[in-house]
């Protein structure tokens, strides 16, 4: 999961094209999610949290590049990284600070 997180962070924003690294990593991320659903993971909680965020951002960017803007905005709102109104600002700042720590270097 750590290695997938590191690799996915580098390509999450790219357009999903058949056969490229991003598509393969996207498939791995969703397969890992499905495989370990409902199980307790023996992994650093911050790694799991970052993995889930990147997995959600993959879907956001897929929808964005496919011009499904409403769906993309809904996914972005669920991540709590970007506030949709002023009352969400403090939560989003906290979440952003949590994910901006160097988790990718702890692998």
Protein backbone atom coordinates (compact mmCIF):
# COMPACT_ATOMS: atom_id res chain seq x y z
CA UNK A 1 0.00 0.00 0.00
CA UNK A 2 2.87 2.39 0.77
CA UNK A 3 4.48 1.89 -2.61
CA UNK A 4 1.17 2.27 -4.42
CA UNK A 5 0.58 5.51 -2.50
CA UNK A 6 3.98 6.90 -3.46
CA UNK A 7 3.55 6.00 -7.13
CA UNK A 8 -0.08 7.12 -7.31
CA UNK A 9 0.79 10.53 -5.86
CA UNK A 10 2.96 11.17 -8.91
CA UNK A 11 0.31 10.41 -11.54
CA UNK A 12 -3.05 11.05 -9.86
CA UNK A 13 -3.66 14.28 -11.80
CA UNK A 14 -2.96 12.84 -15.24
CA UNK A 15 -5.54 11.80 -17.79
CA UNK A 16 -6.45 8.13 -17.60
CA UNK A 17 -5.28 6.47 -20.81
CA UNK A 18 -5.38 2.78 -21.59
CA UNK A 19 -2.17 0.93 -20.81
CA UNK A 20 -0.32 3.78 -19.11
CA UNK A 21 1.08 3.71 -15.58
CA UNK A 22 -1.78 5.78 -14.17
CA UNK A 23 -4.39 3.29 -15.36
CA UNK A 24 -2.44 0.37 -13.91
CA UNK A 25 -1.97 2.14 -10.56
CA UNK A 26 -5.65 3.12 -10.54
CA UNK A 27 -6.62 -0.52 -11.01
CA UNK A 28 -4.20 -1.63 -8.28
CA UNK A 29 -5.63 0.97 -5.88
CA UNK A 30 -9.20 -0.16 -6.44
CA UNK A 31 -8.19 -3.84 -6.24
CA UNK A 32 -6.44 -3.21 -2.90
CA UNK A 33 -9.53 -1.41 -1.62
CA UNK A 34 -11.76 -4.30 -2.63
CA UNK A 35 -9.37 -6.97 -1.33
CA UNK A 36 -9.00 -5.45 2.13
CA UNK A 37 -12.54 -4.13 2.58
CA UNK A 38 -13.75 -4.80 6.10
CA UNK A 39 -10.36 -6.00 7.31
CA UNK A 40 -8.08 -4.34 9.82
CA UNK A 41 -4.91 -3.30 8.05
CA UNK A 42 -1.48 -3.80 9.59
CA UNK A 43 -0.25 -0.53 8.16
CA UNK A 44 0.53 2.98 9.37
CA UNK A 45 -2.83 4.83 9.74
CA UNK A 46 -1.43 7.88 7.94
CA UNK A 47 -0.45 5.70 4.97
CA UNK A 48 -3.97 4.24 4.83
CA UNK A 49 -5.52 7.70 5.07
CA UNK A 50 -3.29 9.08 2.31
CA UNK A 51 -3.98 6.02 0.15
CA UNK A 52 -7.74 6.52 0.49
CA UNK A 53 -7.43 10.21 -0.32
CA UNK A 54 -5.39 9.50 -3.45
CA UNK A 55 -7.84 6.81 -4.51
CA UNK A 56 -10.67 9.35 -4.20
CA UNK A 57 -8.63 11.94 -6.09
CA UNK A 58 -8.10 9.45 -8.91
CA UNK A 59 -11.88 9.31 -9.30
CA UNK A 60 -12.10 13.10 -9.06
CA UNK A 61 -9.56 13.55 -11.86
CA UNK A 62 -11.22 10.84 -13.96
CA UNK A 63 -14.52 12.71 -13.74
CA UNK A 64 -12.84 16.07 -14.28
CA UNK A 65 -11.05 14.93 -17.45
CA UNK A 66 -14.30 13.37 -18.71
CA UNK A 67 -16.00 16.77 -18.13
CA UNK A 68 -18.30 15.32 -15.45
CA UNK A 69 -17.85 18.44 -13.38
CA UNK A 70 -20.76 18.00 -10.97
CA UNK A 71 -19.61 14.52 -10.00
CA UNK A 72 -16.02 15.74 -9.69
CA UNK A 73 -17.11 18.56 -7.36
CA UNK A 74 -19.06 16.12 -5.19
CA UNK A 75 -16.01 13.88 -4.82
CA UNK A 76 -13.83 16.88 -4.03
CA UNK A 77 -16.32 17.99 -1.36
CA UNK A 78 -16.20 14.51 0.22
CA UNK A 79 -12.41 14.70 0.56
CA UNK A 80 -12.71 17.84 2.72
CA UNK A 81 -9.57 19.29 1.13
CA UNK A 82 -11.30 22.28 -0.45
CA UNK A 83 -14.06 24.16 1.38
CA UNK A 84 -17.37 24.63 -0.39
CA UNK A 85 -18.39 27.34 2.12
CA UNK A 86 -16.83 29.38 4.93
CA UNK A 87 -18.01 27.03 7.67
CA UNK A 88 -15.84 24.24 6.20
CA UNK A 89 -12.68 26.36 6.00
CA UNK A 90 -11.13 25.37 9.34
CA UNK A 91 -11.75 21.65 8.76
CA UNK A 92 -10.20 21.84 5.29
CA UNK A 93 -7.13 23.69 6.55
CA UNK A 94 -6.66 21.03 9.23
CA UNK A 95 -7.04 18.23 6.68
CA UNK A 96 -4.65 19.87 4.27
CA UNK A 97 -2.00 20.30 6.95
CA UNK A 98 -2.38 16.66 7.92
CA UNK A 99 -1.81 15.49 4.35
CA UNK A 100 0.96 17.97 3.61
CA UNK A 101 3.29 16.29 6.08
CA UNK A 102 6.06 14.26 4.43
CA UNK A 103 4.26 10.90 4.58
CA UNK A 104 5.81 9.82 1.32
CA UNK A 105 9.29 9.87 2.82
CA UNK A 106 8.41 7.51 5.67
CA UNK A 107 8.21 4.49 3.38
